[in-house]
Amino acid sequence: MANILAVDDDGDLRALIAETLGRDGHFVRTLDSGSRIGEVHCRWADLILLDLLMPGEDGPAACRRIRAMTDAPILFLTALNGEADVLEALGSGGDDYLTKPFRIAELRARVAAHLRRQRRPVSHRLVRGGVAFDLAAGTAEVEGRPVGLTRGEYALCRVLALHAGQTFGKERLYEEAFGFEREADSSAVTEHIKNIRAKFRAAGCEPVETVWGVGYRWKP
């Protein structure tokens, strides 16, 4: 049972989300605009569903504004799945995205997976490839300097670093990081990896390697 905030300008979709997730025992609040999300909503929500395209303040703008107020997973709902759109969504601080129209079963599974990951206890420290992970705090640093990873980026790095030297295909990496199997559309992993590489490169470190035609691995 969790508190879920659904923000979308489509009233029928908001009602469907509220009814569907309500049946799973969750408390669902809905808003019709990103600009209406306030600190009280951020404190309340355990997970946020956020439409990418809305009049006024769109999803990425709202995500950037509220990210400092909440550590809750943010899942974008989008009718667009082009590379630039996915990059904007994930780069603004989102953890994942669902492409409209989506199956209700996929929405339920994805929400459940992110909530499980949110509650997963960890309690140790790991150093791999020049990167130090505080697995309890969910942070990473290079030579004592924090690297500002989003939750989704951190989840992928954590899986790769825990299995340094092992190659993961995109689908398996997504499943291991987020707890939900998705055979199609690996754009989320691709864009997260781009962001991860850029952030570590800026910190003077390049721990993620591409194994062409196979996937990604973390330098031991």
N, C-alpha and C. Protein backbone atom coordinates (compact mmCIF):
# COMPACT_ATOMS: atom_id res chain seq x y z
N MET A 1 0.84 -1.19 0.00
CA MET A 1 0.00 0.00 0.00
C MET A 1 0.89 1.25 0.00
N ALA A 2 0.63 2.16 -0.93
CA ALA A 2 1.48 3.33 -1.06
C ALA A 2 0.65 4.54 -1.46
N ASN A 3 1.22 5.72 -1.29
CA ASN A 3 0.60 6.97 -1.73
C ASN A 3 1.14 7.32 -3.12
N ILE A 4 0.26 7.41 -4.09
CA ILE A 4 0.68 7.64 -5.47
C ILE A 4 0.02 8.90 -6.01
N LEU A 5 0.83 9.77 -6.59
CA LEU A 5 0.34 11.00 -7.22
C LEU A 5 0.39 10.82 -8.73
N ALA A 6 -0.75 10.99 -9.39
CA ALA A 6 -0.84 10.88 -10.85
C ALA A 6 -1.17 12.25 -11.43
N VAL A 7 -0.30 12.74 -12.31
CA VAL A 7 -0.46 14.09 -12.87
C VAL A 7 -0.57 13.97 -14.39
N ASP A 8 -1.75 14.31 -14.92
CA ASP A 8 -1.98 14.19 -16.36
C ASP A 8 -3.15 15.10 -16.72
N ASP A 9 -3.10 15.73 -17.90
CA ASP A 9 -4.19 16.62 -18.28
C ASP A 9 -5.37 15.86 -18.91
N ASP A 10 -5.26 14.55 -19.05
CA ASP A 10 -6.34 13.72 -19.58
C ASP A 10 -7.17 13.18 -18.42
N GLY A 11 -8.39 13.71 -18.27
CA GLY A 11 -9.23 13.33 -17.14
C GLY A 11 -9.60 11.86 -17.14
N ASP A 12 -9.85 11.29 -18.31
CA ASP A 12 -10.20 9.86 -18.39
C ASP A 12 -9.04 8.99 -17.94
N LEU A 13 -7.82 9.37 -18.34
CA LEU A 13 -6.66 8.59 -17.93
C LEU A 13 -6.42 8.70 -16.43
N ARG A 14 -6.60 9.90 -15.87
CA ARG A 14 -6.44 10.06 -14.42
C ARG A 14 -7.41 9.15 -13.67
N ALA A 15 -8.66 9.11 -14.15
CA ALA A 15 -9.67 8.27 -13.49
C ALA A 15 -9.31 6.80 -13.60
N LEU A 16 -8.80 6.38 -14.77
CA LEU A 16 -8.41 4.99 -14.97
C LEU A 16 -7.26 4.60 -14.06
N ILE A 17 -6.26 5.48 -13.96
CA ILE A 17 -5.12 5.21 -13.08
C ILE A 17 -5.57 5.10 -11.63
N ALA A 18 -6.41 6.05 -11.19
CA ALA A 18 -6.88 6.04 -9.81
C ALA A 18 -7.65 4.77 -9.49
N GLU A 19 -8.51 4.36 -10.43
CA GLU A 19 -9.31 3.16 -10.20
C GLU A 19 -8.44 1.91 -10.18
N THR A 20 -7.52 1.82 -11.14
CA THR A 20 -6.67 0.64 -11.25
C THR A 20 -5.75 0.47 -10.05
N LEU A 21 -5.02 1.53 -9.70
CA LEU A 21 -4.08 1.42 -8.59
C LEU A 21 -4.80 1.39 -7.26
N GLY A 22 -5.98 1.97 -7.20
CA GLY A 22 -6.80 1.89 -5.99
C GLY A 22 -7.19 0.46 -5.68
N ARG A 23 -7.45 -0.32 -6.73
CA ARG A 23 -7.81 -1.73 -6.54
C ARG A 23 -6.65 -2.52 -5.95
N ASP A 24 -5.42 -2.04 -6.18
CA ASP A 24 -4.25 -2.69 -5.60
C ASP A 24 -3.98 -2.24 -4.17
N GLY A 25 -4.86 -1.41 -3.64
CA GLY A 25 -4.73 -0.97 -2.26
C GLY A 25 -3.98 0.33 -2.07
N HIS A 26 -3.61 1.00 -3.16
CA HIS A 26 -2.87 2.25 -3.05
C HIS A 26 -3.84 3.44 -2.88
N PHE A 27 -3.35 4.48 -2.23
CA PHE A 27 -4.07 5.74 -2.16
C PHE A 27 -3.60 6.61 -3.32
N VAL A 28 -4.50 7.04 -4.16
CA VAL A 28 -4.13 7.78 -5.37
C VAL A 28 -4.75 9.17 -5.33
N ARG A 29 -3.90 10.18 -5.51
CA ARG A 29 -4.35 11.55 -5.72
C ARG A 29 -4.02 11.94 -7.16
N THR A 30 -4.86 12.76 -7.78
CA THR A 30 -4.62 13.17 -9.16
C THR A 30 -4.61 14.69 -9.29
N LEU A 31 -3.80 15.17 -10.23
CA LEU A 31 -3.74 16.58 -10.58
C LEU A 31 -3.76 16.68 -12.10
N ASP A 32 -4.27 17.81 -12.62
CA ASP A 32 -4.37 17.97 -14.06
C ASP A 32 -3.27 18.83 -14.66
N SER A 33 -2.31 19.26 -13.82
CA SER A 33 -1.25 20.14 -14.32
C SER A 33 0.00 19.99 -13.46
N GLY A 34 1.17 20.03 -14.12
CA GLY A 34 2.41 19.95 -13.37
C GLY A 34 2.60 21.14 -12.46
N SER A 35 2.09 22.29 -12.83
CA SER A 35 2.26 23.50 -12.03
C SER A 35 1.54 23.41 -10.69
N ARG A 36 0.61 22.49 -10.57
CA ARG A 36 -0.16 22.35 -9.32
C ARG A 36 0.55 21.47 -8.28
N ILE A 37 1.64 20.84 -8.67
CA ILE A 37 2.36 19.98 -7.72
C ILE A 37 3.10 20.86 -6.72
N GLY A 38 2.80 20.68 -5.46
CA GLY A 38 3.44 21.47 -4.41
C GLY A 38 4.22 20.61 -3.44
N GLU A 39 4.83 21.26 -2.49
CA GLU A 39 5.66 20.54 -1.52
C GLU A 39 4.84 19.53 -0.73
N VAL A 40 3.58 19.86 -0.44
CA VAL A 40 2.75 18.94 0.33
C VAL A 40 2.53 17.64 -0.44
N HIS A 41 2.37 17.73 -1.76
CA HIS A 41 2.22 16.52 -2.57
C HIS A 41 3.51 15.71 -2.57
N CYS A 42 4.64 16.40 -2.65
CA CYS A 42 5.93 15.71 -2.68
C CYS A 42 6.21 14.98 -1.38
N ARG A 43 5.83 15.59 -0.26
CA ARG A 43 6.03 14.93 1.04
C ARG A 43 5.12 13.71 1.17
N TRP A 44 3.95 13.78 0.58
CA TRP A 44 2.94 12.73 0.71
C TRP A 44 3.22 11.53 -0.18
N ALA A 45 3.68 11.77 -1.40
CA ALA A 45 3.74 10.72 -2.41
C ALA A 45 4.92 9.78 -2.22
N ASP A 46 4.64 8.48 -2.36
CA ASP A 46 5.69 7.46 -2.40
C ASP A 46 6.15 7.21 -3.83
N LEU A 47 5.33 7.60 -4.79
CA LEU A 47 5.65 7.45 -6.22
C LEU A 47 4.81 8.46 -7.00
N ILE A 48 5.40 9.01 -8.06
CA ILE A 48 4.71 10.02 -8.87
C ILE A 48 4.67 9.58 -10.32
N LEU A 49 3.47 9.61 -10.90
CA LEU A 49 3.27 9.39 -12.33
C LEU A 49 3.07 10.75 -12.97
N LEU A 50 3.88 11.08 -13.97
CA LEU A 50 3.92 12.44 -14.50
C LEU A 50 3.85 12.45 -16.01
N ASP A 51 2.81 13.09 -16.55
CA ASP A 51 2.67 13.19 -18.00
C ASP A 51 3.79 14.05 -18.58
N LEU A 52 4.31 13.64 -19.72
CA LEU A 52 5.41 14.38 -20.33
C LEU A 52 4.93 15.71 -20.92
N LEU A 53 3.84 15.68 -21.67
CA LEU A 53 3.34 16.88 -22.35
C LEU A 53 2.06 17.36 -21.70
N MET A 54 2.12 18.54 -21.09
CA MET A 54 0.95 19.17 -20.47
C MET A 54 0.98 20.66 -20.76
N PRO A 55 -0.18 21.30 -20.85
CA PRO A 55 -0.19 22.76 -21.02
C PRO A 55 0.49 23.45 -19.85
N GLY A 56 1.11 24.58 -20.11
CA GLY A 56 1.79 25.31 -19.04
C GLY A 56 3.10 24.64 -18.70
N GLU A 57 3.27 24.24 -17.44
CA GLU A 57 4.49 23.57 -17.00
C GLU A 57 4.43 22.11 -17.41
N ASP A 58 5.30 21.72 -18.35
CA ASP A 58 5.25 20.33 -18.81
C ASP A 58 5.94 19.40 -17.81
N GLY A 59 5.94 18.10 -18.12
CA GLY A 59 6.47 17.11 -17.19
C GLY A 59 7.92 17.31 -16.81
N PRO A 60 8.84 17.46 -17.77
CA PRO A 60 10.24 17.65 -17.41
C PRO A 60 10.47 18.90 -16.56
N ALA A 61 9.78 19.99 -16.88
CA ALA A 61 9.94 21.22 -16.08
C ALA A 61 9.45 20.99 -14.65
N ALA A 62 8.32 20.31 -14.52
CA ALA A 62 7.80 20.01 -13.18
C ALA A 62 8.74 19.09 -12.43
N CYS A 63 9.29 18.10 -13.12
CA CYS A 63 10.21 17.16 -12.49
C CYS A 63 11.45 17.87 -11.95
N ARG A 64 12.02 18.75 -12.77
CA ARG A 64 13.20 19.49 -12.31
C ARG A 64 12.87 20.35 -11.09
N ARG A 65 11.67 20.91 -11.07
CA ARG A 65 11.29 21.79 -9.97
C ARG A 65 11.09 21.01 -8.67
N ILE A 66 10.50 19.83 -8.74
CA ILE A 66 10.15 19.12 -7.51
C ILE A 66 11.21 18.12 -7.07
N ARG A 67 12.23 17.85 -7.91
CA ARG A 67 13.17 16.79 -7.55
C ARG A 67 13.86 17.05 -6.22
N ALA A 68 14.12 18.31 -5.91
CA ALA A 68 14.77 18.62 -4.64
C ALA A 68 13.83 18.39 -3.46
N MET A 69 12.53 18.26 -3.72
CA MET A 69 11.55 18.09 -2.64
C MET A 69 11.21 16.64 -2.38
N THR A 70 11.61 15.72 -3.26
CA THR A 70 11.20 14.33 -3.10
C THR A 70 12.25 13.37 -3.65
N ASP A 71 12.39 12.23 -2.97
CA ASP A 71 13.22 11.13 -3.45
C ASP A 71 12.37 10.03 -4.07
N ALA A 72 11.05 10.25 -4.15
CA ALA A 72 10.15 9.23 -4.66
C ALA A 72 10.44 8.94 -6.14
N PRO A 73 10.26 7.69 -6.57
CA PRO A 73 10.40 7.39 -7.99
C PRO A 73 9.42 8.24 -8.81
N ILE A 74 9.89 8.76 -9.94
CA ILE A 74 9.04 9.52 -10.86
C ILE A 74 9.00 8.78 -12.19
N LEU A 75 7.82 8.34 -12.60
CA LEU A 75 7.63 7.63 -13.86
C LEU A 75 6.88 8.54 -14.82
N PHE A 76 7.48 8.80 -15.97
CA PHE A 76 6.83 9.62 -16.97
C PHE A 76 5.84 8.80 -17.79
N LEU A 77 4.74 9.44 -18.14
CA LEU A 77 3.75 8.86 -19.05
C LEU A 77 3.83 9.69 -20.33
N THR A 78 4.15 9.05 -21.44
CA THR A 78 4.39 9.83 -22.65
C THR A 78 3.86 9.15 -23.90
N ALA A 79 3.29 9.95 -24.78
CA ALA A 79 2.87 9.46 -26.09
C ALA A 79 4.03 9.52 -27.07
N LEU A 80 5.16 10.09 -26.64
CA LEU A 80 6.34 10.23 -27.47
C LEU A 80 7.42 9.27 -26.98
N ASN A 81 8.11 8.62 -27.90
CA ASN A 81 9.20 7.74 -27.47
C ASN A 81 10.45 7.95 -28.31
N GLY A 82 10.58 9.15 -28.91
CA GLY A 82 11.79 9.49 -29.62
C GLY A 82 12.94 9.67 -28.66
N GLU A 83 14.15 9.53 -29.17
CA GLU A 83 15.34 9.60 -28.32
C GLU A 83 15.43 10.91 -27.56
N ALA A 84 15.13 12.03 -28.23
CA ALA A 84 15.23 13.33 -27.57
C ALA A 84 14.21 13.46 -26.45
N ASP A 85 13.01 12.91 -26.65
CA ASP A 85 11.97 13.01 -25.63
C ASP A 85 12.31 12.16 -24.41
N VAL A 86 12.82 10.95 -24.67
CA VAL A 86 13.22 10.08 -23.56
C VAL A 86 14.37 10.71 -22.79
N LEU A 87 15.34 11.26 -23.52
CA LEU A 87 16.49 11.90 -22.89
C LEU A 87 16.06 13.06 -22.01
N GLU A 88 15.12 13.86 -22.49
CA GLU A 88 14.64 14.99 -21.70
C GLU A 88 13.94 14.52 -20.43
N ALA A 89 13.12 13.49 -20.56
CA ALA A 89 12.38 12.97 -19.41
C ALA A 89 13.32 12.44 -18.34
N LEU A 90 14.25 11.59 -18.74
CA LEU A 90 15.17 10.98 -17.77
C LEU A 90 16.20 11.98 -17.28
N GLY A 91 16.61 12.89 -18.15
CA GLY A 91 17.59 13.89 -17.75
C GLY A 91 17.06 14.90 -16.76
N SER A 92 15.74 15.05 -16.71
CA SER A 92 15.15 16.01 -15.78
C SER A 92 15.02 15.44 -14.37
N GLY A 93 15.36 14.15 -14.20
CA GLY A 93 15.30 13.53 -12.88
C GLY A 93 14.33 12.38 -12.79
N GLY A 94 13.70 12.02 -13.92
CA GLY A 94 12.78 10.88 -13.93
C GLY A 94 13.52 9.56 -13.81
N ASP A 95 12.83 8.56 -13.30
CA ASP A 95 13.43 7.24 -13.12
C ASP A 95 13.10 6.29 -14.26
N ASP A 96 11.95 6.50 -14.88
CA ASP A 96 11.50 5.54 -15.88
C ASP A 96 10.39 6.20 -16.69
N TYR A 97 9.89 5.50 -17.72
CA TYR A 97 8.78 6.05 -18.47
C TYR A 97 7.93 4.93 -19.05
N LEU A 98 6.67 5.24 -19.29
CA LEU A 98 5.72 4.34 -19.93
C LEU A 98 5.19 5.04 -21.17
N THR A 99 5.18 4.34 -22.29
CA THR A 99 4.70 4.93 -23.53
C THR A 99 3.20 4.69 -23.68
N LYS A 100 2.45 5.76 -23.92
CA LYS A 100 1.02 5.65 -24.16
C LYS A 100 0.76 5.18 -25.60
N PRO A 101 -0.26 4.37 -25.82
CA PRO A 101 -1.11 3.76 -24.80
C PRO A 101 -0.40 2.57 -24.17
N PHE A 102 -0.52 2.42 -22.87
CA PHE A 102 0.13 1.31 -22.19
C PHE A 102 -0.92 0.35 -21.65
N ARG A 103 -0.50 -0.87 -21.43
CA ARG A 103 -1.40 -1.86 -20.86
C ARG A 103 -1.50 -1.65 -19.35
N ILE A 104 -2.69 -1.82 -18.82
CA ILE A 104 -2.91 -1.63 -17.38
C ILE A 104 -2.02 -2.58 -16.59
N ALA A 105 -1.85 -3.80 -17.09
CA ALA A 105 -1.00 -4.77 -16.38
C ALA A 105 0.43 -4.25 -16.29
N GLU A 106 0.91 -3.58 -17.34
CA GLU A 106 2.26 -3.05 -17.32
C GLU A 106 2.38 -1.91 -16.33
N LEU A 107 1.37 -1.04 -16.28
CA LEU A 107 1.37 0.05 -15.30
C LEU A 107 1.45 -0.52 -13.89
N ARG A 108 0.61 -1.48 -13.58
CA ARG A 108 0.59 -2.07 -12.23
C ARG A 108 1.92 -2.71 -11.89
N ALA A 109 2.49 -3.46 -12.85
CA ALA A 109 3.76 -4.14 -12.60
C ALA A 109 4.90 -3.15 -12.42
N ARG A 110 4.90 -2.11 -13.23
CA ARG A 110 5.99 -1.13 -13.14
C ARG A 110 5.92 -0.37 -11.82
N VAL A 111 4.72 0.03 -11.41
CA VAL A 111 4.55 0.71 -10.14
C VAL A 111 5.00 -0.18 -8.99
N ALA A 112 4.57 -1.44 -9.01
CA ALA A 112 4.95 -2.38 -7.94
C ALA A 112 6.46 -2.57 -7.88
N ALA A 113 7.10 -2.65 -9.04
CA ALA A 113 8.55 -2.88 -9.08
C ALA A 113 9.30 -1.69 -8.49
N HIS A 114 8.91 -0.48 -8.84
CA HIS A 114 9.60 0.70 -8.32
C HIS A 114 9.36 0.87 -6.82
N LEU A 115 8.18 0.52 -6.36
CA LEU A 115 7.91 0.60 -4.92
C LEU A 115 8.74 -0.43 -4.15
N ARG A 116 8.90 -1.63 -4.72
CA ARG A 116 9.75 -2.64 -4.07
C ARG A 116 11.19 -2.15 -3.99
N ARG A 117 11.67 -1.59 -5.07
CA ARG A 117 13.05 -1.10 -5.08
C ARG A 117 13.23 0.04 -4.09
N GLN A 118 12.22 0.87 -3.96
CA GLN A 118 12.27 2.00 -3.04
C GLN A 118 12.45 1.52 -1.60
N ARG A 119 11.87 0.36 -1.29
CA ARG A 119 11.86 -0.13 0.10
C ARG A 119 12.98 -1.13 0.37
N ARG A 120 13.79 -1.44 -0.63
CA ARG A 120 14.82 -2.47 -0.46
C ARG A 120 15.92 -1.99 0.47
N PRO A 121 16.20 -2.71 1.56
CA PRO A 121 17.24 -2.27 2.48
C PRO A 121 18.64 -2.62 1.97
N VAL A 122 19.58 -1.70 2.13
CA VAL A 122 21.00 -1.95 1.83
C VAL A 122 21.84 -1.33 2.94
N SER A 123 23.03 -1.90 3.16
CA SER A 123 23.75 -1.41 4.35
C SER A 123 25.27 -1.50 4.23
N HIS A 124 25.83 -1.42 3.01
CA HIS A 124 27.28 -1.50 2.94
C HIS A 124 27.84 -0.61 1.85
N ARG A 125 29.16 -0.56 1.78
CA ARG A 125 29.88 0.33 0.87
C ARG A 125 30.64 -0.50 -0.16
N LEU A 126 30.76 0.03 -1.35
CA LEU A 126 31.39 -0.69 -2.44
C LEU A 126 32.25 0.26 -3.25
N VAL A 127 33.45 -0.18 -3.64
CA VAL A 127 34.33 0.63 -4.50
C VAL A 127 34.67 -0.21 -5.72
N ARG A 128 34.32 0.30 -6.90
CA ARG A 128 34.59 -0.41 -8.15
C ARG A 128 34.94 0.61 -9.24
N GLY A 129 36.01 0.34 -9.98
CA GLY A 129 36.36 1.17 -11.11
C GLY A 129 36.59 2.63 -10.77
N GLY A 130 37.08 2.88 -9.57
CA GLY A 130 37.35 4.26 -9.16
C GLY A 130 36.15 4.99 -8.60
N VAL A 131 35.02 4.31 -8.48
CA VAL A 131 33.79 4.92 -7.96
C VAL A 131 33.44 4.28 -6.62
N ALA A 132 33.18 5.11 -5.61
CA ALA A 132 32.79 4.63 -4.29
C ALA A 132 31.27 4.78 -4.13
N PHE A 133 30.60 3.68 -3.83
CA PHE A 133 29.17 3.67 -3.63
C PHE A 133 28.84 3.53 -2.14
N ASP A 134 27.98 4.39 -1.65
CA ASP A 134 27.38 4.21 -0.33
C ASP A 134 26.03 3.57 -0.59
N LEU A 135 25.95 2.25 -0.46
CA LEU A 135 24.74 1.52 -0.83
C LEU A 135 23.59 1.77 0.14
N ALA A 136 23.90 2.23 1.33
CA ALA A 136 22.83 2.57 2.27
C ALA A 136 22.20 3.91 1.91
N ALA A 137 23.05 4.87 1.55
CA ALA A 137 22.54 6.20 1.22
C ALA A 137 22.11 6.32 -0.23
N GLY A 138 22.56 5.39 -1.08
CA GLY A 138 22.23 5.46 -2.50
C GLY A 138 22.96 6.56 -3.22
N THR A 139 24.26 6.73 -2.89
CA THR A 139 25.05 7.79 -3.51
C THR A 139 26.34 7.22 -4.09
N ALA A 140 26.96 7.99 -4.98
CA ALA A 140 28.24 7.60 -5.58
C ALA A 140 29.16 8.80 -5.59
N GLU A 141 30.46 8.54 -5.47
CA GLU A 141 31.43 9.63 -5.51
C GLU A 141 32.73 9.17 -6.15
N VAL A 142 33.46 10.12 -6.70
CA VAL A 142 34.76 9.88 -7.30
C VAL A 142 35.78 10.77 -6.61
N GLU A 143 36.76 10.15 -5.99
CA GLU A 143 37.79 10.88 -5.24
C GLU A 143 37.17 11.86 -4.24
N GLY A 144 36.14 11.39 -3.55
CA GLY A 144 35.50 12.19 -2.51
C GLY A 144 34.50 13.21 -3.02
N ARG A 145 34.34 13.32 -4.33
CA ARG A 145 33.39 14.29 -4.90
C ARG A 145 32.12 13.56 -5.32
N PRO A 146 30.96 13.97 -4.82
CA PRO A 146 29.71 13.29 -5.19
C PRO A 146 29.39 13.45 -6.66
N VAL A 147 28.83 12.39 -7.24
CA VAL A 147 28.35 12.41 -8.62
C VAL A 147 26.82 12.45 -8.56
N GLY A 148 26.23 13.45 -9.17
CA GLY A 148 24.78 13.67 -9.04
C GLY A 148 23.95 12.75 -9.92
N LEU A 149 23.88 11.50 -9.56
CA LEU A 149 23.07 10.53 -10.31
C LEU A 149 21.62 10.61 -9.91
N THR A 150 20.72 10.46 -10.87
CA THR A 150 19.31 10.32 -10.54
C THR A 150 19.08 8.93 -9.97
N ARG A 151 17.89 8.68 -9.45
CA ARG A 151 17.60 7.36 -8.87
C ARG A 151 17.73 6.26 -9.91
N GLY A 152 17.20 6.51 -11.12
CA GLY A 152 17.29 5.51 -12.16
C GLY A 152 18.72 5.24 -12.58
N GLU A 153 19.50 6.30 -12.73
CA GLU A 153 20.92 6.15 -13.09
C GLU A 153 21.67 5.38 -12.02
N TYR A 154 21.41 5.72 -10.76
CA TYR A 154 22.08 5.03 -9.66
C TYR A 154 21.73 3.54 -9.65
N ALA A 155 20.45 3.22 -9.90
CA ALA A 155 20.03 1.82 -9.87
C ALA A 155 20.79 0.99 -10.91
N LEU A 156 20.98 1.56 -12.10
CA LEU A 156 21.72 0.85 -13.14
C LEU A 156 23.20 0.70 -12.77
N CYS A 157 23.78 1.78 -12.26
CA CYS A 157 25.19 1.74 -11.84
C CYS A 157 25.40 0.71 -10.74
N ARG A 158 24.47 0.65 -9.82
CA ARG A 158 24.58 -0.29 -8.70
C ARG A 158 24.64 -1.73 -9.20
N VAL A 159 23.76 -2.09 -10.14
CA VAL A 159 23.76 -3.44 -10.68
C VAL A 159 25.08 -3.73 -11.38
N LEU A 160 25.52 -2.82 -12.24
CA LEU A 160 26.76 -3.04 -12.98
C LEU A 160 27.96 -3.13 -12.04
N ALA A 161 28.02 -2.25 -11.05
CA ALA A 161 29.17 -2.23 -10.13
C ALA A 161 29.20 -3.46 -9.24
N LEU A 162 28.04 -3.92 -8.81
CA LEU A 162 27.99 -5.12 -7.97
C LEU A 162 28.45 -6.36 -8.74
N HIS A 163 28.36 -6.29 -10.07
CA HIS A 163 28.79 -7.41 -10.92
C HIS A 163 29.87 -6.93 -11.88
N ALA A 164 30.84 -6.19 -11.37
CA ALA A 164 31.89 -5.59 -12.21
C ALA A 164 32.56 -6.65 -13.08
N GLY A 165 32.75 -6.31 -14.36
CA GLY A 165 33.36 -7.22 -15.30
C GLY A 165 32.37 -8.10 -16.03
N GLN A 166 31.13 -8.17 -15.54
CA GLN A 166 30.10 -8.99 -16.17
C GLN A 166 29.29 -8.13 -17.13
N THR A 167 29.00 -8.65 -18.31
CA THR A 167 28.26 -7.90 -19.32
C THR A 167 26.76 -8.15 -19.18
N PHE A 168 25.98 -7.06 -19.22
CA PHE A 168 24.52 -7.13 -19.14
C PHE A 168 23.92 -6.59 -20.42
N GLY A 169 23.02 -7.36 -21.03
CA GLY A 169 22.21 -6.83 -22.11
C GLY A 169 21.23 -5.80 -21.56
N LYS A 170 20.68 -4.97 -22.44
CA LYS A 170 19.80 -3.89 -21.98
C LYS A 170 18.58 -4.40 -21.23
N GLU A 171 17.95 -5.45 -21.76
CA GLU A 171 16.73 -5.95 -21.12
C GLU A 171 17.03 -6.53 -19.74
N ARG A 172 18.10 -7.31 -19.65
CA ARG A 172 18.44 -7.90 -18.35
C ARG A 172 18.86 -6.83 -17.35
N LEU A 173 19.62 -5.83 -17.83
CA LEU A 173 20.05 -4.76 -16.95
C LEU A 173 18.85 -4.01 -16.40
N TYR A 174 17.87 -3.74 -17.26
CA TYR A 174 16.65 -3.07 -16.81
C TYR A 174 15.93 -3.91 -15.75
N GLU A 175 15.81 -5.20 -16.02
CA GLU A 175 15.12 -6.08 -15.08
C GLU A 175 15.83 -6.13 -13.73
N GLU A 176 17.16 -6.25 -13.75
CA GLU A 176 17.92 -6.32 -12.50
C GLU A 176 17.83 -5.02 -11.72
N ALA A 177 17.82 -3.89 -12.42
CA ALA A 177 17.82 -2.59 -11.74
C ALA A 177 16.45 -2.23 -11.19
N PHE A 178 15.41 -2.51 -11.98
CA PHE A 178 14.08 -2.03 -11.61
C PHE A 178 13.10 -3.12 -11.23
N GLY A 179 13.51 -4.38 -11.37
CA GLY A 179 12.67 -5.47 -10.91
C GLY A 179 11.50 -5.76 -11.80
N PHE A 180 11.56 -5.36 -13.08
CA PHE A 180 10.45 -5.60 -13.98
C PHE A 180 10.99 -5.96 -15.34
N GLU A 181 10.55 -7.09 -15.90
CA GLU A 181 11.05 -7.55 -17.18
C GLU A 181 10.35 -6.81 -18.32
N ARG A 182 11.13 -6.22 -19.20
CA ARG A 182 10.56 -5.55 -20.36
C ARG A 182 11.36 -5.98 -21.58
N GLU A 183 10.77 -6.77 -22.44
CA GLU A 183 11.49 -7.30 -23.58
C GLU A 183 11.66 -6.26 -24.68
N ALA A 184 10.69 -5.36 -24.83
CA ALA A 184 10.73 -4.38 -25.91
C ALA A 184 11.15 -3.01 -25.38
N ASP A 185 11.62 -2.16 -26.29
CA ASP A 185 11.92 -0.76 -26.01
C ASP A 185 12.94 -0.59 -24.89
N SER A 186 14.20 -0.63 -25.26
CA SER A 186 15.29 -0.48 -24.28
C SER A 186 15.83 0.95 -24.27
N SER A 187 15.04 1.90 -24.76
CA SER A 187 15.50 3.29 -24.84
C SER A 187 15.85 3.86 -23.48
N ALA A 188 15.12 3.45 -22.44
CA ALA A 188 15.39 4.00 -21.11
C ALA A 188 16.80 3.68 -20.67
N VAL A 189 17.24 2.45 -20.87
CA VAL A 189 18.60 2.07 -20.49
C VAL A 189 19.62 2.84 -21.32
N THR A 190 19.38 2.94 -22.63
CA THR A 190 20.31 3.65 -23.50
C THR A 190 20.51 5.09 -23.07
N GLU A 191 19.42 5.78 -22.78
CA GLU A 191 19.52 7.19 -22.40
C GLU A 191 20.11 7.36 -21.00
N HIS A 192 19.75 6.46 -20.07
CA HIS A 192 20.36 6.51 -18.75
C HIS A 192 21.88 6.34 -18.86
N ILE A 193 22.33 5.39 -19.67
CA ILE A 193 23.76 5.15 -19.81
C ILE A 193 24.46 6.37 -20.39
N LYS A 194 23.85 7.04 -21.35
CA LYS A 194 24.43 8.27 -21.90
C LYS A 194 24.63 9.30 -20.79
N ASN A 195 23.60 9.48 -19.97
CA ASN A 195 23.70 10.45 -18.87
C ASN A 195 24.76 10.03 -17.85
N ILE A 196 24.79 8.74 -17.53
CA ILE A 196 25.77 8.22 -16.57
C ILE A 196 27.18 8.50 -17.06
N ARG A 197 27.43 8.19 -18.32
CA ARG A 197 28.77 8.40 -18.87
C ARG A 197 29.17 9.87 -18.83
N ALA A 198 28.24 10.74 -19.17
CA ALA A 198 28.54 12.17 -19.18
C ALA A 198 28.89 12.66 -17.78
N LYS A 199 28.17 12.19 -16.79
CA LYS A 199 28.40 12.65 -15.41
C LYS A 199 29.73 12.12 -14.87
N PHE A 200 30.03 10.85 -15.14
CA PHE A 200 31.31 10.32 -14.66
C PHE A 200 32.49 10.90 -15.44
N ARG A 201 32.28 11.17 -16.72
CA ARG A 201 33.34 11.79 -17.52
C ARG A 201 33.68 13.17 -16.95
N ALA A 202 32.65 13.90 -16.55
CA ALA A 202 32.87 15.22 -15.95
C ALA A 202 33.62 15.12 -14.63
N ALA A 203 33.48 13.95 -13.96
CA ALA A 203 34.18 13.73 -12.68
C ALA A 203 35.56 13.12 -12.90
N GLY A 204 35.94 12.92 -14.18
CA GLY A 204 37.26 12.38 -14.48
C GLY A 204 37.34 10.88 -14.42
N CYS A 205 36.24 10.21 -14.68
CA CYS A 205 36.19 8.75 -14.54
C CYS A 205 35.29 8.18 -15.63
N GLU A 206 35.66 7.03 -16.21
CA GLU A 206 34.83 6.39 -17.24
C GLU A 206 34.70 4.90 -16.91
N PRO A 207 33.82 4.56 -15.96
CA PRO A 207 33.75 3.17 -15.49
C PRO A 207 32.88 2.24 -16.33
N VAL A 208 32.02 2.79 -17.18
CA VAL A 208 31.09 1.95 -17.94
C VAL A 208 31.63 1.69 -19.34
N GLU A 209 31.72 0.41 -19.70
CA GLU A 209 32.21 0.01 -21.01
C GLU A 209 31.07 -0.59 -21.83
N THR A 210 31.12 -0.37 -23.13
CA THR A 210 30.17 -1.00 -24.05
C THR A 210 30.81 -2.25 -24.65
N VAL A 211 30.09 -3.34 -24.59
CA VAL A 211 30.49 -4.56 -25.28
C VAL A 211 29.61 -4.62 -26.52
N TRP A 212 30.15 -4.25 -27.65
CA TRP A 212 29.35 -4.04 -28.84
C TRP A 212 28.54 -5.27 -29.23
N GLY A 213 27.25 -5.01 -29.45
CA GLY A 213 26.35 -6.08 -29.83
C GLY A 213 25.85 -6.92 -28.68
N VAL A 214 26.34 -6.64 -27.47
CA VAL A 214 25.95 -7.43 -26.30
C VAL A 214 25.31 -6.56 -25.23
N GLY A 215 26.02 -5.53 -24.75
CA GLY A 215 25.47 -4.70 -23.69
C GLY A 215 26.54 -3.85 -23.01
N TYR A 216 26.47 -3.78 -21.69
CA TYR A 216 27.36 -2.91 -20.92
C TYR A 216 27.97 -3.67 -19.76
N ARG A 217 29.14 -3.20 -19.32
CA ARG A 217 29.77 -3.75 -18.13
C ARG A 217 30.53 -2.66 -17.40
N TRP A 218 30.74 -2.90 -16.11
CA TRP A 218 31.48 -1.97 -15.25
C TRP A 218 32.93 -2.44 -15.16
N LYS A 219 33.86 -1.51 -15.28
CA LYS A 219 35.26 -1.88 -15.16
C LYS A 219 35.54 -2.39 -13.75
N PRO A 220 36.24 -3.52 -13.60
CA PRO A 220 36.52 -4.08 -12.26
C PRO A 220 37.38 -3.14 -11.44
